[in-house]
């Protein structure tokens, strides 16, 4: 019967289609920007350097910076030191990580990330433009490389955090002293690693000897308040 004769041909065509689709699958992709995991992942990428950019040192350095940025956000939510309020440390009073990223009442916390007039959390166009460029690089070529590895790490880290909480050790948790100053431990802020940049107040620069410089960022702990 003719239909039986066509079965091997159809099977071959189906095999080709499946193979083509598999080959075309992207090496890296991101969740929607209006999802918590997608928004958080965009912040991790935005705040850290990729190959060819200023301050890039290694894949491990950038991944370490992503994890530490996430720890700062987590600490601003869950580990406010004795003697401080969340408002003093994070500029907000909220249990929502999106508020910690965007700020509330029109006061922004992370440049390029904010809520619009409708209350939706959004990013400035440059954030999406850079991400799209990185995704294009990551998904070109015959096999996944450093760009795909870093993008997937950021998205995976964000998804895991939203689903199960933070993973990985906080490298600054046990920090008790910086020079002659007693400090709270943990990091509560980060800025571009330039000597003139400082968040002010009781924030204390974590020195490079304590791995305070990661992915072009300088992390800051807090001066321990007297009892």
Protein backbone atom coordinates (compact mmCIF):
# COMPACT_ATOMS: atom_id res chain seq x y z
CA UNK A 1 0.00 0.00 0.00
CA UNK A 2 1.36 3.51 -0.82
CA UNK A 3 0.94 4.76 2.75
CA UNK A 4 3.21 2.01 4.06
CA UNK A 5 5.87 2.83 1.50
CA UNK A 6 5.91 6.43 2.74
CA UNK A 7 6.48 5.52 6.40
CA UNK A 8 10.32 5.32 6.13
CA UNK A 9 10.35 8.64 4.27
CA UNK A 10 8.17 10.28 6.91
CA UNK A 11 10.34 8.86 9.68
CA UNK A 12 13.45 10.25 8.00
CA UNK A 13 11.84 13.67 7.57
CA UNK A 14 10.74 13.69 11.21
CA UNK A 15 14.25 12.77 12.29
CA UNK A 16 15.70 15.65 10.28
CA UNK A 17 13.18 18.11 11.75
CA UNK A 18 13.90 16.96 15.32
CA UNK A 19 17.64 17.16 14.72
CA UNK A 20 17.31 20.64 13.27
CA UNK A 21 15.21 21.84 16.22
CA UNK A 22 17.68 20.39 18.69
CA UNK A 23 20.57 22.06 16.90
CA UNK A 24 18.71 25.37 16.93
CA UNK A 25 17.95 25.27 20.67
CA UNK A 26 19.61 28.27 22.36
CA UNK A 27 22.57 27.67 24.64
CA UNK A 28 21.30 30.37 27.00
CA UNK A 29 17.89 31.93 27.58
CA UNK A 30 16.27 34.12 30.22
CA UNK A 31 12.96 34.18 32.04
CA UNK A 32 10.55 37.01 31.28
CA UNK A 33 11.57 40.41 32.71
CA UNK A 34 8.22 40.69 34.54
CA UNK A 35 8.94 37.52 36.56
CA UNK A 36 10.85 37.72 39.83
CA UNK A 37 13.50 35.24 38.67
CA UNK A 38 13.90 36.98 35.31
CA UNK A 39 14.20 40.41 36.93
CA UNK A 40 16.68 39.23 39.56
CA UNK A 41 18.80 37.48 36.92
CA UNK A 42 18.96 40.70 34.91
CA UNK A 43 20.31 42.54 37.93
CA UNK A 44 23.02 39.91 38.47
CA UNK A 45 24.10 40.22 34.83
CA UNK A 46 23.86 44.02 34.82
CA UNK A 47 26.13 44.36 37.85
CA UNK A 48 28.93 42.06 36.69
CA UNK A 49 31.43 42.04 33.79
CA UNK A 50 31.54 39.61 30.86
CA UNK A 51 34.50 38.67 28.61
CA UNK A 52 35.81 41.68 26.71
CA UNK A 53 34.35 44.20 29.15
CA UNK A 54 36.24 46.37 31.60
CA UNK A 55 36.95 44.68 34.94
CA UNK A 56 36.44 41.15 33.59
CA UNK A 57 39.02 38.78 35.10
CA UNK A 58 37.64 35.27 34.87
CA UNK A 59 34.46 33.23 34.78
CA UNK A 60 34.96 32.32 38.44
CA UNK A 61 35.39 35.97 39.45
CA UNK A 62 32.18 37.05 37.70
CA UNK A 63 30.21 34.14 39.15
CA UNK A 64 31.55 35.00 42.61
CA UNK A 65 30.40 38.60 42.15
CA UNK A 66 26.92 37.47 41.08
CA UNK A 67 26.57 35.30 44.17
CA UNK A 68 27.77 38.08 46.45
CA UNK A 69 25.36 40.62 44.93
CA UNK A 70 22.58 38.13 45.68
CA UNK A 71 23.86 37.81 49.25
CA UNK A 72 23.72 41.59 49.70
CA UNK A 73 20.06 41.59 48.65
CA UNK A 74 19.34 38.63 50.92
CA UNK A 75 21.07 40.26 53.89
CA UNK A 76 19.07 43.45 53.35
CA UNK A 77 15.95 41.30 53.67
CA UNK A 78 16.85 38.85 56.42
CA UNK A 79 20.04 39.80 58.32
CA UNK A 80 19.71 43.39 59.51
CA UNK A 81 22.40 43.86 62.20
CA UNK A 82 21.57 44.77 65.76
CA UNK A 83 21.37 48.55 66.18
CA UNK A 84 20.18 49.13 62.60
CA UNK A 85 16.79 49.19 60.91
CA UNK A 86 16.08 47.82 57.46
CA UNK A 87 15.25 51.34 56.34
CA UNK A 88 18.74 52.52 57.34
CA UNK A 89 20.51 49.63 55.62
CA UNK A 90 18.38 49.04 52.52
CA UNK A 91 16.47 52.29 52.08
CA UNK A 92 13.18 50.38 52.24
CA UNK A 93 10.94 48.61 54.72
CA UNK A 94 9.80 45.48 52.91
CA UNK A 95 9.98 41.70 52.76
CA UNK A 96 9.96 41.66 48.95
CA UNK A 97 13.26 41.30 47.10
CA UNK A 98 11.85 43.34 44.21
CA UNK A 99 11.43 46.32 46.55
CA UNK A 100 15.02 45.88 47.75
CA UNK A 101 16.14 46.08 44.10
CA UNK A 102 13.89 48.92 42.92
CA UNK A 103 13.37 50.94 46.08
CA UNK A 104 10.00 52.32 47.12
CA UNK A 105 8.34 55.71 47.04
CA UNK A 106 10.19 56.72 43.88
CA UNK A 107 13.64 56.34 45.47
CA UNK A 108 15.75 53.96 43.38
CA UNK A 109 18.20 51.51 44.91
CA UNK A 110 19.83 49.85 41.86
CA UNK A 111 20.50 52.02 38.80
CA UNK A 112 18.45 50.94 35.79
CA UNK A 113 15.89 49.00 37.87
CA UNK A 114 12.70 50.69 39.05
CA UNK A 115 8.90 50.59 39.23
CA UNK A 116 6.95 52.57 36.66
CA UNK A 117 3.87 54.70 37.30
CA UNK A 118 1.69 51.58 37.21
CA UNK A 119 3.81 49.92 39.89
CA UNK A 120 5.33 47.33 37.52
CA UNK A 121 9.01 46.48 37.99
CA UNK A 122 10.89 47.34 34.81
CA UNK A 123 14.41 48.02 33.54
CA UNK A 124 15.86 50.83 31.50
CA UNK A 125 16.31 50.01 27.77
CA UNK A 126 20.12 49.80 28.08
CA UNK A 127 19.77 46.83 30.46
CA UNK A 128 17.76 44.82 27.93
CA UNK A 129 19.99 45.94 25.05
CA UNK A 130 23.11 44.62 26.79
CA UNK A 131 21.38 41.38 27.79
CA UNK A 132 20.16 40.79 24.23
CA UNK A 133 23.68 41.39 22.92
CA UNK A 134 25.12 38.91 25.43
CA UNK A 135 22.46 36.34 24.54
CA UNK A 136 23.23 36.76 20.85
CA UNK A 137 26.93 36.12 21.48
CA UNK A 138 26.15 33.17 23.77
CA UNK A 139 23.86 31.53 21.25
CA UNK A 140 26.17 31.90 18.23
CA UNK A 141 28.76 29.33 17.28
CA UNK A 142 28.67 25.57 17.43
CA UNK A 143 28.86 24.98 21.16
CA UNK A 144 28.20 26.81 24.43
CA UNK A 145 31.04 28.94 25.77
CA UNK A 146 31.80 31.37 28.58
CA UNK A 147 28.94 33.73 27.73
CA UNK A 148 26.37 30.94 27.89
CA UNK A 149 27.90 29.60 31.11
CA UNK A 150 27.70 32.99 32.82
CA UNK A 151 24.19 33.79 31.62
CA UNK A 152 22.90 30.37 32.63
CA UNK A 153 24.58 30.72 36.01
CA UNK A 154 22.82 34.04 36.63
CA UNK A 155 19.41 32.72 35.57
CA UNK A 156 19.87 29.45 37.46
CA UNK A 157 20.94 31.31 40.60
CA UNK A 158 17.87 33.55 40.41
CA UNK A 159 15.50 30.64 39.81
CA UNK A 160 16.96 28.66 42.70
CA UNK A 161 16.70 31.67 45.01
CA UNK A 162 13.04 32.32 44.17
CA UNK A 163 12.18 28.64 44.55
CA UNK A 164 14.32 27.49 47.48
CA UNK A 165 16.24 30.43 48.97
CA UNK A 166 19.88 31.37 48.70
CA UNK A 167 22.58 28.79 48.12
CA UNK A 168 26.31 29.02 48.68
CA UNK A 169 28.39 30.32 51.55
CA UNK A 170 28.52 34.02 52.37
CA UNK A 171 32.25 34.77 52.20
CA UNK A 172 31.85 37.85 54.42
CA UNK A 173 29.64 36.37 57.15
CA UNK A 174 32.53 35.87 59.61
CA UNK A 175 34.19 39.25 59.06
CA UNK A 176 34.57 40.90 62.50
CA UNK A 177 37.17 43.61 62.00
CA UNK A 178 38.46 45.83 59.19
CA UNK A 179 41.67 47.47 60.35
CA UNK A 180 40.89 48.96 63.77
CA UNK A 181 37.13 48.99 63.19
CA UNK A 182 34.75 46.39 64.55
CA UNK A 183 32.20 45.43 61.88
CA UNK A 184 28.99 43.45 61.71
CA UNK A 185 30.13 40.93 59.11
CA UNK A 186 28.20 40.22 55.89
CA UNK A 187 28.00 42.69 53.01
CA UNK A 188 25.20 45.23 52.78
CA UNK A 189 26.15 47.28 49.74
CA UNK A 190 28.22 47.18 46.58
CA UNK A 191 29.47 49.82 44.16
CA UNK A 192 31.76 50.02 41.14
CA UNK A 193 35.28 49.42 42.47
CA UNK A 194 36.60 52.97 42.27
CA UNK A 195 38.35 54.57 45.26
CA UNK A 196 36.10 57.64 45.24
CA UNK A 197 32.89 55.61 45.37
CA UNK A 198 31.42 54.97 48.80
CA UNK A 199 27.80 54.57 49.97
CA UNK A 200 28.50 56.81 52.99
CA UNK A 201 27.21 56.51 56.53
CA UNK A 202 28.42 53.52 58.53
CA UNK A 203 29.35 51.42 55.51
CA UNK A 204 32.90 50.06 55.63
CA UNK A 205 34.97 49.11 52.61
CA UNK A 206 35.80 45.37 52.66
CA UNK A 207 39.49 45.19 51.68
CA UNK A 208 40.80 43.17 48.76
CA UNK A 209 42.68 40.93 51.20
CA UNK A 210 39.23 39.79 52.37
CA UNK A 211 38.02 39.33 48.75
CA UNK A 212 36.06 42.57 48.94
CA UNK A 213 36.66 43.24 45.24
CA UNK A 214 34.78 40.92 42.86
CA UNK A 215 33.76 41.38 39.25
CA UNK A 216 34.69 45.07 39.20
CA UNK A 217 32.61 45.72 42.32
CA UNK A 218 33.64 46.74 45.83
CA UNK A 219 31.52 45.28 48.63
CA UNK A 220 30.83 47.03 51.93
CA UNK A 221 29.96 45.79 55.42
CA UNK A 222 28.76 47.93 58.34
CA UNK A 223 30.50 49.44 61.35
CA UNK A 224 29.40 47.57 64.47
CA UNK A 225 27.21 49.82 66.51
CA UNK A 226 28.19 50.21 70.21
CA UNK A 227 25.95 48.40 72.69
